[in-house]
Amino acid sequence: MDQDDAGTEGRSDSHLFQVGDWPAEGALLGELPRGGGSDGPIVISNEFADVVVSRVRTRNGVRLDIWSPRRGSRIQLDAVELDCISYQPKEAFTEMLERRPGG
């Protein structure tokens, strides 16, 4: 049992979003969902970006779903991919921000 699931034995996974709960990639919503505490999506935003983050269960396991309504882009990352992000130097993100999205 991984640390994130500790203490959830016998509890339903109904608090996890299923793939398909979000609009199709590129779809626009009238407004961002409100943060739903620990059971719902987390909305992180500033003047440059809005991002909706949630935990989803796919047929290949649990993923972190990251959706950018302004860009209409979405990605689902597994534990290995998230771990990879954790050891990147800060300069790696600076380089990504310097690139044009999609280019």
N, C-alpha and C. Protein backbone atom coordinates (compact mmCIF):
# COMPACT_ATOMS: atom_id res chain seq x y z
N MET A 1 0.86 -1.17 0.00
CA MET A 1 0.00 0.00 0.00
C MET A 1 0.89 1.22 0.00
N ASP A 2 0.66 2.18 -0.93
CA ASP A 2 1.52 3.34 -0.92
C ASP A 2 1.07 4.32 0.15
N GLN A 3 1.96 5.23 0.48
CA GLN A 3 1.73 6.15 1.59
C GLN A 3 0.47 6.98 1.39
N ASP A 4 0.17 7.34 0.15
CA ASP A 4 -0.98 8.18 -0.13
C ASP A 4 -2.29 7.48 0.18
N ASP A 5 -2.31 6.14 0.11
CA ASP A 5 -3.53 5.40 0.36
C ASP A 5 -3.62 4.91 1.80
N ALA A 6 -2.63 5.26 2.65
CA ALA A 6 -2.64 4.81 4.04
C ALA A 6 -3.91 5.28 4.73
N GLY A 7 -4.50 4.43 5.51
CA GLY A 7 -5.70 4.78 6.26
C GLY A 7 -6.97 4.76 5.45
N THR A 8 -6.93 4.28 4.22
CA THR A 8 -8.15 4.27 3.40
C THR A 8 -8.68 2.86 3.20
N GLU A 9 -8.10 1.91 3.91
CA GLU A 9 -8.53 0.52 3.74
C GLU A 9 -10.03 0.41 4.03
N GLY A 10 -10.74 -0.29 3.19
CA GLY A 10 -12.17 -0.48 3.38
C GLY A 10 -13.00 0.70 2.91
N ARG A 11 -12.35 1.77 2.48
CA ARG A 11 -13.08 2.95 2.02
C ARG A 11 -13.22 2.89 0.51
N SER A 12 -14.33 3.33 0.01
CA SER A 12 -14.57 3.33 -1.43
C SER A 12 -13.68 4.33 -2.13
N ASP A 13 -13.32 4.04 -3.37
CA ASP A 13 -12.54 4.98 -4.17
C ASP A 13 -13.45 5.96 -4.90
N SER A 14 -14.67 6.12 -4.44
CA SER A 14 -15.61 7.01 -5.13
C SER A 14 -15.16 8.46 -5.06
N HIS A 15 -14.20 8.79 -4.16
CA HIS A 15 -13.70 10.15 -4.10
C HIS A 15 -12.74 10.46 -5.25
N LEU A 16 -12.34 9.45 -6.00
CA LEU A 16 -11.46 9.66 -7.14
C LEU A 16 -12.30 9.95 -8.38
N PHE A 17 -11.83 10.87 -9.20
CA PHE A 17 -12.52 11.15 -10.44
C PHE A 17 -12.19 10.06 -11.44
N GLN A 18 -13.13 9.68 -12.20
CA GLN A 18 -12.91 8.70 -13.26
C GLN A 18 -12.56 9.45 -14.53
N VAL A 19 -11.74 8.83 -15.37
CA VAL A 19 -11.41 9.46 -16.65
C VAL A 19 -12.72 9.71 -17.38
N GLY A 20 -12.85 10.86 -17.96
CA GLY A 20 -14.08 11.22 -18.65
C GLY A 20 -14.90 12.21 -17.87
N ASP A 21 -14.57 12.43 -16.59
CA ASP A 21 -15.28 13.44 -15.81
C ASP A 21 -14.98 14.85 -16.30
N TRP A 22 -13.81 15.03 -16.90
CA TRP A 22 -13.43 16.33 -17.42
C TRP A 22 -13.85 16.44 -18.87
N PRO A 23 -14.01 17.68 -19.36
CA PRO A 23 -14.36 17.86 -20.77
C PRO A 23 -13.26 17.31 -21.66
N ALA A 24 -13.59 17.08 -22.91
CA ALA A 24 -12.60 16.61 -23.88
C ALA A 24 -11.47 17.62 -23.96
N GLU A 25 -10.28 17.14 -24.32
CA GLU A 25 -9.12 18.02 -24.43
C GLU A 25 -9.44 19.18 -25.37
N GLY A 26 -9.14 20.37 -24.92
CA GLY A 26 -9.38 21.56 -25.72
C GLY A 26 -10.76 22.17 -25.52
N ALA A 27 -11.66 21.47 -24.82
CA ALA A 27 -13.00 22.01 -24.59
C ALA A 27 -12.90 23.18 -23.61
N LEU A 28 -13.74 24.15 -23.78
CA LEU A 28 -13.75 25.32 -22.91
C LEU A 28 -14.93 25.24 -21.95
N LEU A 29 -14.70 25.64 -20.72
CA LEU A 29 -15.77 25.72 -19.74
C LEU A 29 -16.14 27.18 -19.54
N GLY A 30 -17.35 27.42 -19.10
CA GLY A 30 -17.77 28.78 -18.80
C GLY A 30 -17.02 29.34 -17.60
N GLU A 31 -16.66 28.48 -16.66
CA GLU A 31 -15.93 28.92 -15.48
C GLU A 31 -15.13 27.76 -14.91
N LEU A 32 -14.12 28.08 -14.13
CA LEU A 32 -13.30 27.05 -13.51
C LEU A 32 -14.08 26.40 -12.38
N PRO A 33 -13.87 25.11 -12.14
CA PRO A 33 -14.52 24.50 -10.99
C PRO A 33 -13.94 25.07 -9.71
N ARG A 34 -14.72 25.10 -8.68
CA ARG A 34 -14.22 25.55 -7.38
C ARG A 34 -13.47 24.40 -6.75
N GLY A 35 -12.44 24.73 -5.98
CA GLY A 35 -11.69 23.70 -5.27
C GLY A 35 -12.64 22.89 -4.41
N GLY A 36 -12.50 21.58 -4.43
CA GLY A 36 -13.42 20.72 -3.70
C GLY A 36 -12.80 20.12 -2.47
N GLY A 37 -11.86 20.80 -1.82
CA GLY A 37 -11.22 20.22 -0.65
C GLY A 37 -10.37 19.04 -1.04
N SER A 38 -10.28 18.05 -0.18
CA SER A 38 -9.42 16.90 -0.47
C SER A 38 -10.10 15.92 -1.43
N ASP A 39 -11.40 16.05 -1.64
CA ASP A 39 -12.11 15.12 -2.51
C ASP A 39 -12.33 15.65 -3.91
N GLY A 40 -12.10 16.91 -4.14
CA GLY A 40 -12.39 17.49 -5.44
C GLY A 40 -11.15 18.04 -6.10
N PRO A 41 -11.34 18.70 -7.22
CA PRO A 41 -10.20 19.26 -7.93
C PRO A 41 -9.56 20.41 -7.14
N ILE A 42 -8.29 20.64 -7.41
CA ILE A 42 -7.56 21.77 -6.84
C ILE A 42 -7.34 22.75 -7.98
N VAL A 43 -7.74 23.99 -7.79
CA VAL A 43 -7.54 25.03 -8.79
C VAL A 43 -6.40 25.92 -8.32
N ILE A 44 -5.37 26.03 -9.15
CA ILE A 44 -4.23 26.89 -8.85
C ILE A 44 -4.16 27.91 -9.96
N SER A 45 -4.18 29.18 -9.59
CA SER A 45 -4.18 30.21 -10.64
C SER A 45 -3.46 31.46 -10.18
N ASN A 46 -3.01 32.21 -11.15
CA ASN A 46 -2.47 33.55 -10.95
C ASN A 46 -2.78 34.33 -12.21
N GLU A 47 -2.13 35.49 -12.38
CA GLU A 47 -2.45 36.31 -13.55
C GLU A 47 -1.97 35.69 -14.86
N PHE A 48 -1.11 34.67 -14.80
CA PHE A 48 -0.54 34.08 -16.01
C PHE A 48 -1.17 32.75 -16.41
N ALA A 49 -1.73 32.02 -15.46
CA ALA A 49 -2.23 30.68 -15.77
C ALA A 49 -3.30 30.25 -14.77
N ASP A 50 -4.17 29.37 -15.23
CA ASP A 50 -5.14 28.67 -14.39
C ASP A 50 -4.92 27.19 -14.64
N VAL A 51 -4.79 26.39 -13.58
CA VAL A 51 -4.57 24.96 -13.72
C VAL A 51 -5.50 24.23 -12.76
N VAL A 52 -6.13 23.19 -13.26
CA VAL A 52 -7.00 22.35 -12.45
C VAL A 52 -6.31 21.00 -12.29
N VAL A 53 -6.07 20.61 -11.04
CA VAL A 53 -5.33 19.39 -10.74
C VAL A 53 -6.24 18.44 -9.97
N SER A 54 -6.27 17.18 -10.36
CA SER A 54 -7.06 16.19 -9.62
C SER A 54 -6.41 14.82 -9.76
N ARG A 55 -6.80 13.96 -8.87
CA ARG A 55 -6.34 12.57 -8.88
C ARG A 55 -7.40 11.75 -9.61
N VAL A 56 -6.98 11.00 -10.62
CA VAL A 56 -7.92 10.20 -11.40
C VAL A 56 -7.47 8.75 -11.44
N ARG A 57 -8.43 7.87 -11.56
CA ARG A 57 -8.13 6.44 -11.71
C ARG A 57 -8.32 6.08 -13.18
N THR A 58 -7.29 5.53 -13.77
CA THR A 58 -7.37 5.07 -15.16
C THR A 58 -7.24 3.55 -15.14
N ARG A 59 -7.41 2.93 -16.29
CA ARG A 59 -7.25 1.46 -16.32
C ARG A 59 -5.80 1.05 -16.07
N ASN A 60 -4.88 2.03 -16.13
CA ASN A 60 -3.46 1.76 -15.86
C ASN A 60 -3.03 2.26 -14.48
N GLY A 61 -3.98 2.58 -13.63
CA GLY A 61 -3.65 3.03 -12.28
C GLY A 61 -3.97 4.49 -12.06
N VAL A 62 -3.61 4.98 -10.89
CA VAL A 62 -3.90 6.36 -10.50
C VAL A 62 -2.93 7.31 -11.18
N ARG A 63 -3.46 8.43 -11.63
CA ARG A 63 -2.66 9.47 -12.29
C ARG A 63 -3.02 10.82 -11.69
N LEU A 64 -2.11 11.77 -11.83
CA LEU A 64 -2.40 13.16 -11.52
C LEU A 64 -2.83 13.81 -12.84
N ASP A 65 -4.04 14.33 -12.88
CA ASP A 65 -4.59 14.96 -14.07
C ASP A 65 -4.35 16.46 -13.95
N ILE A 66 -3.65 17.04 -14.92
CA ILE A 66 -3.37 18.47 -14.92
C ILE A 66 -4.00 19.06 -16.18
N TRP A 67 -4.93 20.00 -15.97
CA TRP A 67 -5.69 20.56 -17.08
C TRP A 67 -5.53 22.08 -17.07
N SER A 68 -5.20 22.64 -18.22
CA SER A 68 -5.06 24.09 -18.37
C SER A 68 -6.20 24.60 -19.24
N PRO A 69 -7.24 25.16 -18.62
CA PRO A 69 -8.38 25.65 -19.41
C PRO A 69 -8.01 26.76 -20.39
N ARG A 70 -7.09 27.64 -20.02
CA ARG A 70 -6.71 28.74 -20.91
C ARG A 70 -6.06 28.22 -22.19
N ARG A 71 -5.25 27.19 -22.07
CA ARG A 71 -4.56 26.62 -23.23
C ARG A 71 -5.37 25.52 -23.90
N GLY A 72 -6.29 24.94 -23.13
CA GLY A 72 -7.03 23.81 -23.66
C GLY A 72 -6.18 22.55 -23.70
N SER A 73 -5.18 22.47 -22.83
CA SER A 73 -4.30 21.30 -22.81
C SER A 73 -4.49 20.52 -21.52
N ARG A 74 -4.12 19.25 -21.57
CA ARG A 74 -4.31 18.35 -20.44
C ARG A 74 -3.26 17.25 -20.50
N ILE A 75 -2.78 16.84 -19.33
CA ILE A 75 -1.84 15.74 -19.25
C ILE A 75 -2.13 14.94 -17.99
N GLN A 76 -1.92 13.64 -18.08
CA GLN A 76 -2.05 12.78 -16.90
C GLN A 76 -0.69 12.14 -16.65
N LEU A 77 -0.17 12.32 -15.43
CA LEU A 77 1.15 11.83 -15.08
C LEU A 77 1.06 10.75 -14.01
N ASP A 78 1.87 9.70 -14.17
CA ASP A 78 1.91 8.64 -13.16
C ASP A 78 2.99 8.95 -12.13
N ALA A 79 3.16 8.09 -11.15
CA ALA A 79 4.09 8.32 -10.05
C ALA A 79 5.53 8.47 -10.54
N VAL A 80 5.94 7.67 -11.51
CA VAL A 80 7.32 7.75 -12.02
C VAL A 80 7.55 9.10 -12.68
N GLU A 81 6.59 9.56 -13.48
CA GLU A 81 6.73 10.85 -14.16
C GLU A 81 6.76 11.99 -13.15
N LEU A 82 5.93 11.91 -12.12
CA LEU A 82 5.93 12.94 -11.08
C LEU A 82 7.24 12.93 -10.30
N ASP A 83 7.75 11.74 -10.02
CA ASP A 83 9.03 11.64 -9.33
C ASP A 83 10.13 12.30 -10.17
N CYS A 84 10.09 12.10 -11.47
CA CYS A 84 11.08 12.69 -12.38
C CYS A 84 11.05 14.22 -12.27
N ILE A 85 9.86 14.78 -12.16
CA ILE A 85 9.74 16.24 -12.01
C ILE A 85 10.41 16.70 -10.72
N SER A 86 10.32 15.90 -9.68
CA SER A 86 10.82 16.32 -8.36
C SER A 86 12.32 16.53 -8.31
N TYR A 87 13.07 15.89 -9.19
CA TYR A 87 14.52 16.06 -9.12
C TYR A 87 15.08 16.93 -10.24
N GLN A 88 14.22 17.62 -10.96
CA GLN A 88 14.70 18.53 -12.01
C GLN A 88 15.24 19.80 -11.37
N PRO A 89 16.32 20.34 -11.92
CA PRO A 89 16.81 21.62 -11.42
C PRO A 89 15.84 22.74 -11.83
N LYS A 90 15.80 23.79 -11.07
CA LYS A 90 14.91 24.92 -11.35
C LYS A 90 15.10 25.44 -12.78
N GLU A 91 16.34 25.36 -13.29
CA GLU A 91 16.64 25.84 -14.64
C GLU A 91 15.88 25.06 -15.72
N ALA A 92 15.52 23.82 -15.45
CA ALA A 92 14.77 23.03 -16.43
C ALA A 92 13.41 23.67 -16.69
N PHE A 93 12.80 24.22 -15.65
CA PHE A 93 11.49 24.86 -15.80
C PHE A 93 11.64 26.21 -16.51
N THR A 94 12.73 26.91 -16.22
CA THR A 94 13.00 28.18 -16.92
C THR A 94 13.14 27.92 -18.41
N GLU A 95 13.85 26.85 -18.78
CA GLU A 95 14.00 26.51 -20.20
C GLU A 95 12.65 26.17 -20.83
N MET A 96 11.80 25.44 -20.11
CA MET A 96 10.47 25.11 -20.65
C MET A 96 9.64 26.37 -20.85
N LEU A 97 9.73 27.31 -19.93
CA LEU A 97 8.95 28.55 -20.04
C LEU A 97 9.43 29.43 -21.19
N GLU A 98 10.69 29.30 -21.57
CA GLU A 98 11.23 30.08 -22.67
C GLU A 98 10.76 29.56 -24.03
N ARG A 99 10.39 28.27 -24.10
CA ARG A 99 9.91 27.68 -25.35
C ARG A 99 8.46 28.07 -25.59
N ARG A 100 8.12 28.18 -26.84
CA ARG A 100 6.72 28.43 -27.21
C ARG A 100 5.93 27.15 -27.08
N PRO A 101 4.75 27.18 -26.45
CA PRO A 101 3.93 25.97 -26.35
C PRO A 101 3.63 25.41 -27.73
N GLY A 102 3.79 24.09 -27.86
CA GLY A 102 3.51 23.42 -29.12
C GLY A 102 4.59 23.61 -30.18
N GLY A 103 5.66 24.30 -29.84
CA GLY A 103 6.67 24.56 -30.86
C GLY A 103 8.03 24.08 -30.56
